[in-house]
Amino acid sequence: MLFELFFLAFLLVSVVALAGAIIAIVRDARHTAKRVLWMLAASWAVYLALVAAVSAATPQRIFPMGEDQCFDEMCFAVVKAETATELGPPTQIVKATGVFHVVTIRVGSHSGGRTQREGGLRALLLDAGKTYAQSPGGQRAWESSNGATAQLTAMLSPGETVLSVQVFDLPRETASPGLVLSHGFTPGYFVIGESPIFRKPALMRIAP
């Protein structure tokens, strides 16, 4: 939280400085504008270098099955993982291109008093540096047999917990994939200690 506030303050100061440079250009004070812009560019260069250095020095986090990975008050844990070569009811069998990995994730709110969700979150499987997104066909086949599953972004009341099943189709030769929870590109890329640049993503094991 401290570094998030620092980033917001730094961003606000940068906006004010940029506005000042624009005003200086309008008033034909180009020398002043160039000095402000140069200082602004140098400040961002130093800040981004610090973000990258901290990111590179931060070790990868590994979460065993059953252990929560939390984003503020929303927590997630892999509680079950199975493999299958085909999914779906007998009349609508869907065969995997490789092997289906059916991963059950516990989604829980540790909020003290408000309903909330973890927006923009999606699950990926990571193996040997390559990521695999959810299999739409495999997901539909699983839900055809088992019913709709909760979403990772489900809105939860304080203390509420749901299970979200995510289906992936991975090549047979994958060794030991792990689950990665990703928000995609967010302002967190520019926050010291949170940026994933130059750092391996947190990995949730899908095997004991």
C-alpha atoms as a PDB file:
ATOM      1  CA  MET A   1       0.000   0.000   0.000  1.00  0.00           C
ATOM      2  CA  LEU A   2       2.855   2.406   0.822  1.00  0.00           C
ATOM      3  CA  PHE A   3       4.446   1.981  -2.620  1.00  0.00           C
ATOM      4  CA  GLU A   4       1.040   2.296  -4.302  1.00  0.00           C
ATOM      5  CA  LEU A   5       0.542   5.645  -2.587  1.00  0.00           C
ATOM      6  CA  PHE A   6       4.057   6.681  -3.566  1.00  0.00           C
ATOM      7  CA  PHE A   7       3.330   5.821  -7.205  1.00  0.00           C
ATOM      8  CA  LEU A   8       0.077   7.802  -7.154  1.00  0.00           C
ATOM      9  CA  ALA A   9       1.855  10.791  -5.618  1.00  0.00           C
ATOM     10  CA  PHE A  10       4.679  10.537  -8.165  1.00  0.00           C
ATOM     11  CA  LEU A  11       2.138  10.316 -10.988  1.00  0.00           C
ATOM     12  CA  LEU A  12       0.260  13.369  -9.692  1.00  0.00           C
ATOM     13  CA  VAL A  13       3.451  15.403  -9.445  1.00  0.00           C
ATOM     14  CA  SER A  14       4.354  14.320 -12.983  1.00  0.00           C
ATOM     15  CA  VAL A  15       0.981  15.469 -14.326  1.00  0.00           C
ATOM     16  CA  VAL A  16       1.384  18.835 -12.604  1.00  0.00           C
ATOM     17  CA  ALA A  17       4.925  19.180 -13.999  1.00  0.00           C
ATOM     18  CA  LEU A  18       3.752  18.292 -17.506  1.00  0.00           C
ATOM     19  CA  ALA A  19       0.942  20.835 -17.261  1.00  0.00           C
ATOM     20  CA  GLY A  20       3.481  23.426 -16.141  1.00  0.00           C
ATOM     21  CA  ALA A  21       5.693  22.624 -19.149  1.00  0.00           C
ATOM     22  CA  ILE A  22       2.745  23.047 -21.518  1.00  0.00           C
ATOM     23  CA  ILE A  23       1.872  26.404 -19.942  1.00  0.00           C
ATOM     24  CA  ALA A  24       5.509  27.473 -20.285  1.00  0.00           C
ATOM     25  CA  ILE A  25       5.456  26.591 -23.997  1.00  0.00           C
ATOM     26  CA  VAL A  26       2.243  28.576 -24.490  1.00  0.00           C
ATOM     27  CA  ARG A  27       3.901  31.561 -22.808  1.00  0.00           C
ATOM     28  CA  ASP A  28       6.933  31.111 -25.053  1.00  0.00           C
ATOM     29  CA  ALA A  29       9.175  30.189 -22.103  1.00  0.00           C
ATOM     30  CA  ARG A  30      10.690  27.318 -24.029  1.00  0.00           C
ATOM     31  CA  HIS A  31      13.875  27.155 -21.973  1.00  0.00           C
ATOM     32  CA  THR A  32      11.842  26.615 -18.797  1.00  0.00           C
ATOM     33  CA  ALA A  33       9.669  24.025 -20.545  1.00  0.00           C
ATOM     34  CA  LYS A  34      12.706  22.062 -21.756  1.00  0.00           C
ATOM     35  CA  ARG A  35      14.218  22.052 -18.258  1.00  0.00           C
ATOM     36  CA  VAL A  36      10.971  20.791 -16.691  1.00  0.00           C
ATOM     37  CA  LEU A  37      10.552  18.086 -19.342  1.00  0.00           C
ATOM     38  CA  TRP A  38      14.164  16.975 -18.961  1.00  0.00           C
ATOM     39  CA  MET A  39      13.793  16.701 -15.181  1.00  0.00           C
ATOM     40  CA  LEU A  40      10.518  14.825 -15.623  1.00  0.00           C
ATOM     41  CA  ALA A  41      12.074  12.351 -18.070  1.00  0.00           C
ATOM     42  CA  ALA A  42      15.094  11.820 -15.782  1.00  0.00           C
ATOM     43  CA  SER A  43      12.834  11.247 -12.775  1.00  0.00           C
ATOM     44  CA  TRP A  44      10.784   8.634 -14.642  1.00  0.00           C
ATOM     45  CA  ALA A  45      13.943   6.924 -15.875  1.00  0.00           C
ATOM     46  CA  VAL A  46      15.248   6.597 -12.317  1.00  0.00           C
ATOM     47  CA  TYR A  47      11.864   5.479 -10.991  1.00  0.00           C
ATOM     48  CA  LEU A  48      11.340   2.823 -13.678  1.00  0.00           C
ATOM     49  CA  ALA A  49      14.898   1.560 -13.198  1.00  0.00           C
ATOM     50  CA  LEU A  50      14.130   1.155  -9.488  1.00  0.00           C
ATOM     51  CA  VAL A  51      10.877  -0.684 -10.285  1.00  0.00           C
ATOM     52  CA  ALA A  52      12.737  -3.046 -12.627  1.00  0.00           C
ATOM     53  CA  ALA A  53      15.601  -3.625 -10.158  1.00  0.00           C
ATOM     54  CA  VAL A  54      13.262  -4.518  -7.282  1.00  0.00           C
ATOM     55  CA  SER A  55      11.229  -6.767  -9.578  1.00  0.00           C
ATOM     56  CA  ALA A  56      14.340  -8.620 -10.775  1.00  0.00           C
ATOM     57  CA  ALA A  57      15.561  -9.096  -7.191  1.00  0.00           C
ATOM     58  CA  THR A  58      12.243 -10.450  -5.901  1.00  0.00           C
ATOM     59  CA  PRO A  59      12.177 -14.274  -5.779  1.00  0.00           C
ATOM     60  CA  GLN A  60       9.327 -16.228  -7.324  1.00  0.00           C
ATOM     61  CA  ARG A  61       6.575 -17.222  -4.910  1.00  0.00           C
ATOM     62  CA  ILE A  62       5.364 -20.826  -4.946  1.00  0.00           C
ATOM     63  CA  PHE A  63       2.022 -21.754  -3.359  1.00  0.00           C
ATOM     64  CA  PRO A  64       1.422 -25.433  -2.476  1.00  0.00           C
ATOM     65  CA  MET A  65      -2.028 -26.903  -3.058  1.00  0.00           C
ATOM     66  CA  GLY A  66      -4.473 -25.599  -0.472  1.00  0.00           C
ATOM     67  CA  GLU A  67      -2.453 -22.477   0.382  1.00  0.00           C
ATOM     68  CA  ASP A  68      -4.059 -19.111  -0.352  1.00  0.00           C
ATOM     69  CA  GLN A  69      -2.664 -16.532  -2.721  1.00  0.00           C
ATOM     70  CA  CYS A  70      -4.297 -13.256  -1.721  1.00  0.00           C
ATOM     71  CA  PHE A  71      -4.900  -9.971  -3.487  1.00  0.00           C
ATOM     72  CA  ASP A  72      -5.820  -7.684  -0.595  1.00  0.00           C
ATOM     73  CA  GLU A  73      -8.908  -9.404   0.901  1.00  0.00           C
ATOM     74  CA  MET A  74      -9.674 -11.806  -1.959  1.00  0.00           C
ATOM     75  CA  CYS A  75      -7.868 -15.156  -1.701  1.00  0.00           C
ATOM     76  CA  PHE A  76      -7.446 -18.101  -4.064  1.00  0.00           C
ATOM     77  CA  ALA A  77      -6.115 -21.626  -3.604  1.00  0.00           C
ATOM     78  CA  VAL A  78      -5.892 -24.727  -5.778  1.00  0.00           C
ATOM     79  CA  VAL A  79      -7.713 -27.494  -3.922  1.00  0.00           C
ATOM     80  CA  LYS A  80      -8.001 -30.187  -6.583  1.00  0.00           C
ATOM     81  CA  ALA A  81      -6.588 -31.054 -10.017  1.00  0.00           C
ATOM     82  CA  GLU A  82      -7.437 -33.914 -12.356  1.00  0.00           C
ATOM     83  CA  THR A  83      -6.568 -34.910 -15.907  1.00  0.00           C
ATOM     84  CA  ALA A  84      -8.751 -36.452 -18.612  1.00  0.00           C
ATOM     85  CA  THR A  85      -8.518 -37.183 -22.315  1.00  0.00           C
ATOM     86  CA  GLU A  86     -12.206 -36.397 -22.899  1.00  0.00           C
ATOM     87  CA  LEU A  87     -15.008 -34.529 -21.160  1.00  0.00           C
ATOM     88  CA  GLY A  88     -18.746 -34.075 -21.496  1.00  0.00           C
ATOM     89  CA  PRO A  89     -21.906 -36.177 -21.395  1.00  0.00           C
ATOM     90  CA  PRO A  90     -21.955 -39.440 -23.410  1.00  0.00           C
ATOM     91  CA  THR A  91     -23.832 -37.817 -26.308  1.00  0.00           C
ATOM     92  CA  GLN A  92     -21.508 -34.775 -26.472  1.00  0.00           C
ATOM     93  CA  ILE A  93     -18.025 -36.068 -25.777  1.00  0.00           C
ATOM     94  CA  VAL A  94     -15.215 -33.571 -26.404  1.00  0.00           C
ATOM     95  CA  LYS A  95     -11.736 -35.028 -26.876  1.00  0.00           C
ATOM     96  CA  ALA A  96      -8.654 -33.122 -25.785  1.00  0.00           C
ATOM     97  CA  THR A  97      -6.033 -32.128 -28.316  1.00  0.00           C
ATOM     98  CA  GLY A  98      -3.526 -33.213 -25.683  1.00  0.00           C
ATOM     99  CA  VAL A  99      -4.720 -33.716 -22.108  1.00  0.00           C
ATOM    100  CA  PHE A 100      -7.419 -31.831 -20.223  1.00  0.00           C
ATOM    101  CA  HIS A 101      -6.341 -30.440 -16.854  1.00  0.00           C
ATOM    102  CA  VAL A 102      -9.374 -29.784 -14.665  1.00  0.00           C
ATOM    103  CA  VAL A 103      -8.333 -27.462 -11.831  1.00  0.00           C
ATOM    104  CA  THR A 104     -10.592 -26.570  -8.899  1.00  0.00           C
ATOM    105  CA  ILE A 105      -9.829 -23.220  -7.272  1.00  0.00           C
ATOM    106  CA  ARG A 106     -11.225 -22.055  -3.941  1.00  0.00           C
ATOM    107  CA  VAL A 107     -12.228 -18.397  -4.094  1.00  0.00           C
ATOM    108  CA  GLY A 108     -12.782 -16.714  -0.741  1.00  0.00           C
ATOM    109  CA  SER A 109     -13.440 -13.248   0.630  1.00  0.00           C
ATOM    110  CA  HIS A 110     -11.664 -12.253   3.827  1.00  0.00           C
ATOM    111  CA  SER A 111     -13.418  -8.908   3.857  1.00  0.00           C
ATOM    112  CA  GLY A 112     -14.433  -7.472   7.185  1.00  0.00           C
ATOM    113  CA  GLY A 113     -17.672  -5.965   5.999  1.00  0.00           C
ATOM    114  CA  ARG A 114     -18.203  -5.374   2.288  1.00  0.00           C
ATOM    115  CA  THR A 115     -19.172  -7.394  -0.750  1.00  0.00           C
ATOM    116  CA  GLN A 116     -16.380  -7.491  -3.301  1.00  0.00           C
ATOM    117  CA  ARG A 117     -14.719  -9.356  -6.150  1.00  0.00           C
ATOM    118  CA  GLU A 118     -11.313  -9.580  -7.819  1.00  0.00           C
ATOM    119  CA  GLY A 119     -12.014  -7.926 -11.162  1.00  0.00           C
ATOM    120  CA  GLY A 120     -10.091  -8.753 -14.322  1.00  0.00           C
ATOM    121  CA  LEU A 121      -8.577 -11.966 -12.969  1.00  0.00           C
ATOM    122  CA  ARG A 122      -7.986 -15.005 -15.163  1.00  0.00           C
ATOM    123  CA  ALA A 123      -6.214 -18.324 -14.697  1.00  0.00           C
ATOM    124  CA  LEU A 124      -3.410 -19.682 -16.879  1.00  0.00           C
ATOM    125  CA  LEU A 125      -1.348 -22.841 -16.728  1.00  0.00           C
ATOM    126  CA  LEU A 126       2.401 -22.373 -17.001  1.00  0.00           C
ATOM    127  CA  ASP A 127       4.822 -25.086 -18.077  1.00  0.00           C
ATOM    128  CA  ALA A 128       8.447 -24.664 -19.178  1.00  0.00           C
ATOM    129  CA  GLY A 129       7.972 -20.934 -19.673  1.00  0.00           C
ATOM    130  CA  LYS A 130       4.884 -21.299 -21.888  1.00  0.00           C
ATOM    131  CA  THR A 131       1.406 -20.268 -20.789  1.00  0.00           C
ATOM    132  CA  TYR A 132      -1.877 -21.939 -21.701  1.00  0.00           C
ATOM    133  CA  ALA A 133      -5.254 -20.229 -21.480  1.00  0.00           C
ATOM    134  CA  GLN A 134      -8.520 -21.856 -20.510  1.00  0.00           C
ATOM    135  CA  SER A 135      -9.917 -24.270 -23.100  1.00  0.00           C
ATOM    136  CA  PRO A 136     -13.360 -22.948 -24.179  1.00  0.00           C
ATOM    137  CA  GLY A 137     -14.378 -26.344 -25.600  1.00  0.00           C
ATOM    138  CA  GLY A 138     -13.144 -28.232 -22.567  1.00  0.00           C
ATOM    139  CA  GLN A 139     -14.838 -25.778 -20.210  1.00  0.00           C
ATOM    140  CA  ARG A 140     -18.193 -26.102 -21.993  1.00  0.00           C
ATOM    141  CA  ALA A 141     -17.903 -29.894 -21.998  1.00  0.00           C
ATOM    142  CA  TRP A 142     -17.162 -30.018 -18.262  1.00  0.00           C
ATOM    143  CA  GLU A 143     -20.051 -27.691 -17.459  1.00  0.00           C
ATOM    144  CA  SER A 144     -22.383 -29.733 -19.676  1.00  0.00           C
ATOM    145  CA  SER A 145     -21.820 -32.648 -17.296  1.00  0.00           C
ATOM    146  CA  ASN A 146     -21.420 -30.819 -14.015  1.00  0.00           C
ATOM    147  CA  GLY A 147     -23.316 -27.550 -14.303  1.00  0.00           C
ATOM    148  CA  ALA A 148     -22.058 -23.985 -14.417  1.00  0.00           C
ATOM    149  CA  THR A 149     -19.091 -23.200 -12.204  1.00  0.00           C
ATOM    150  CA  ALA A 150     -18.415 -20.038 -10.219  1.00  0.00           C
ATOM    151  CA  GLN A 151     -16.242 -17.430 -11.893  1.00  0.00           C
ATOM    152  CA  LEU A 152     -12.888 -16.341 -10.490  1.00  0.00           C
ATOM    153  CA  THR A 153     -14.327 -12.821 -10.527  1.00  0.00           C
ATOM    154  CA  ALA A 154     -17.485 -13.790  -8.599  1.00  0.00           C
ATOM    155  CA  MET A 155     -18.921 -11.155  -6.265  1.00  0.00           C
ATOM    156  CA  LEU A 156     -18.653 -12.525  -2.715  1.00  0.00           C
ATOM    157  CA  SER A 157     -20.056 -11.470   0.633  1.00  0.00           C
ATOM    158  CA  PRO A 158     -17.712 -11.193   3.652  1.00  0.00           C
ATOM    159  CA  GLY A 159     -16.471 -14.665   4.588  1.00  0.00           C
ATOM    160  CA  GLU A 160     -18.102 -16.322   1.564  1.00  0.00           C
ATOM    161  CA  THR A 161     -16.264 -19.072  -0.335  1.00  0.00           C
ATOM    162  CA  VAL A 162     -17.021 -20.664  -3.720  1.00  0.00           C
ATOM    163  CA  LEU A 163     -15.276 -23.175  -5.979  1.00  0.00           C
ATOM    164  CA  SER A 164     -14.308 -22.280  -9.532  1.00  0.00           C
ATOM    165  CA  VAL A 165     -13.380 -25.067 -11.964  1.00  0.00           C
ATOM    166  CA  GLN A 166     -11.032 -24.109 -14.791  1.00  0.00           C
ATOM    167  CA  VAL A 167     -10.335 -26.474 -17.706  1.00  0.00           C
ATOM    168  CA  PHE A 168      -7.163 -26.373 -19.799  1.00  0.00           C
ATOM    169  CA  ASP A 169      -6.002 -28.421 -22.777  1.00  0.00           C
ATOM    170  CA  LEU A 170      -2.236 -28.984 -22.629  1.00  0.00           C
ATOM    171  CA  PRO A 171       0.122 -30.990 -24.839  1.00  0.00           C
ATOM    172  CA  ARG A 172       0.801 -34.501 -23.575  1.00  0.00           C
ATOM    173  CA  GLU A 173       4.506 -33.783 -23.190  1.00  0.00           C
ATOM    174  CA  THR A 174       4.055 -31.071 -20.540  1.00  0.00           C
ATOM    175  CA  ALA A 175       5.992 -31.955 -17.415  1.00  0.00           C
ATOM    176  CA  SER A 176       4.716 -30.232 -14.262  1.00  0.00           C
ATOM    177  CA  PRO A 177       2.439 -27.286 -15.040  1.00  0.00           C
ATOM    178  CA  GLY A 178       1.453 -24.781 -12.386  1.00  0.00           C
ATOM    179  CA  LEU A 179      -1.393 -22.284 -12.159  1.00  0.00           C
ATOM    180  CA  VAL A 180      -0.839 -18.554 -12.598  1.00  0.00           C
ATOM    181  CA  LEU A 181      -3.451 -15.938 -11.693  1.00  0.00           C
ATOM    182  CA  SER A 182      -3.129 -12.901 -13.928  1.00  0.00           C
ATOM    183  CA  HIS A 183      -4.785  -9.484 -14.027  1.00  0.00           C
ATOM    184  CA  GLY A 184      -3.206  -8.710 -17.393  1.00  0.00           C
ATOM    185  CA  PHE A 185      -1.634  -5.280 -17.820  1.00  0.00           C
ATOM    186  CA  THR A 186      -2.494  -3.045 -14.847  1.00  0.00           C
ATOM    187  CA  PRO A 187      -1.031   0.041 -13.134  1.00  0.00           C
ATOM    188  CA  GLY A 188       0.682  -2.451 -10.827  1.00  0.00           C
ATOM    189  CA  TYR A 189       3.367  -2.794 -13.512  1.00  0.00           C
ATOM    190  CA  PHE A 190       4.630   0.619 -12.339  1.00  0.00           C
ATOM    191  CA  VAL A 191       4.471   0.010  -8.582  1.00  0.00           C
ATOM    192  CA  ILE A 192       7.666  -0.826  -6.711  1.00  0.00           C
ATOM    193  CA  GLY A 193       7.475  -4.366  -5.340  1.00  0.00           C
ATOM    194  CA  GLU A 194       4.390  -5.293  -7.386  1.00  0.00           C
ATOM    195  CA  SER A 195       5.636  -5.076 -10.951  1.00  0.00           C
ATOM    196  CA  PRO A 196       5.943  -8.465 -12.700  1.00  0.00           C
ATOM    197  CA  ILE A 197       8.571  -7.134 -15.121  1.00  0.00           C
ATOM    198  CA  PHE A 198      11.760  -9.272 -14.972  1.00  0.00           C
ATOM    199  CA  ARG A 199      10.158 -11.483 -12.310  1.00  0.00           C
ATOM    200  CA  LYS A 200       8.709 -14.966 -12.643  1.00  0.00           C
ATOM    201  CA  PRO A 201       4.985 -14.974 -11.808  1.00  0.00           C
ATOM    202  CA  ALA A 202       3.669 -16.429  -8.572  1.00  0.00           C
ATOM    203  CA  LEU A 203       2.955 -20.114  -9.181  1.00  0.00           C
ATOM    204  CA  MET A 204       0.252 -22.270  -7.593  1.00  0.00           C
ATOM    205  CA  ARG A 205       1.054 -25.974  -7.653  1.00  0.00           C
ATOM    206  CA  ILE A 206      -1.613 -28.281  -9.085  1.00  0.00           C
ATOM    207  CA  ALA A 207      -0.031 -31.421  -7.682  1.00  0.00           C
ATOM    208  CA  PRO A 208       0.771 -32.343  -4.046  1.00  0.00           C
END
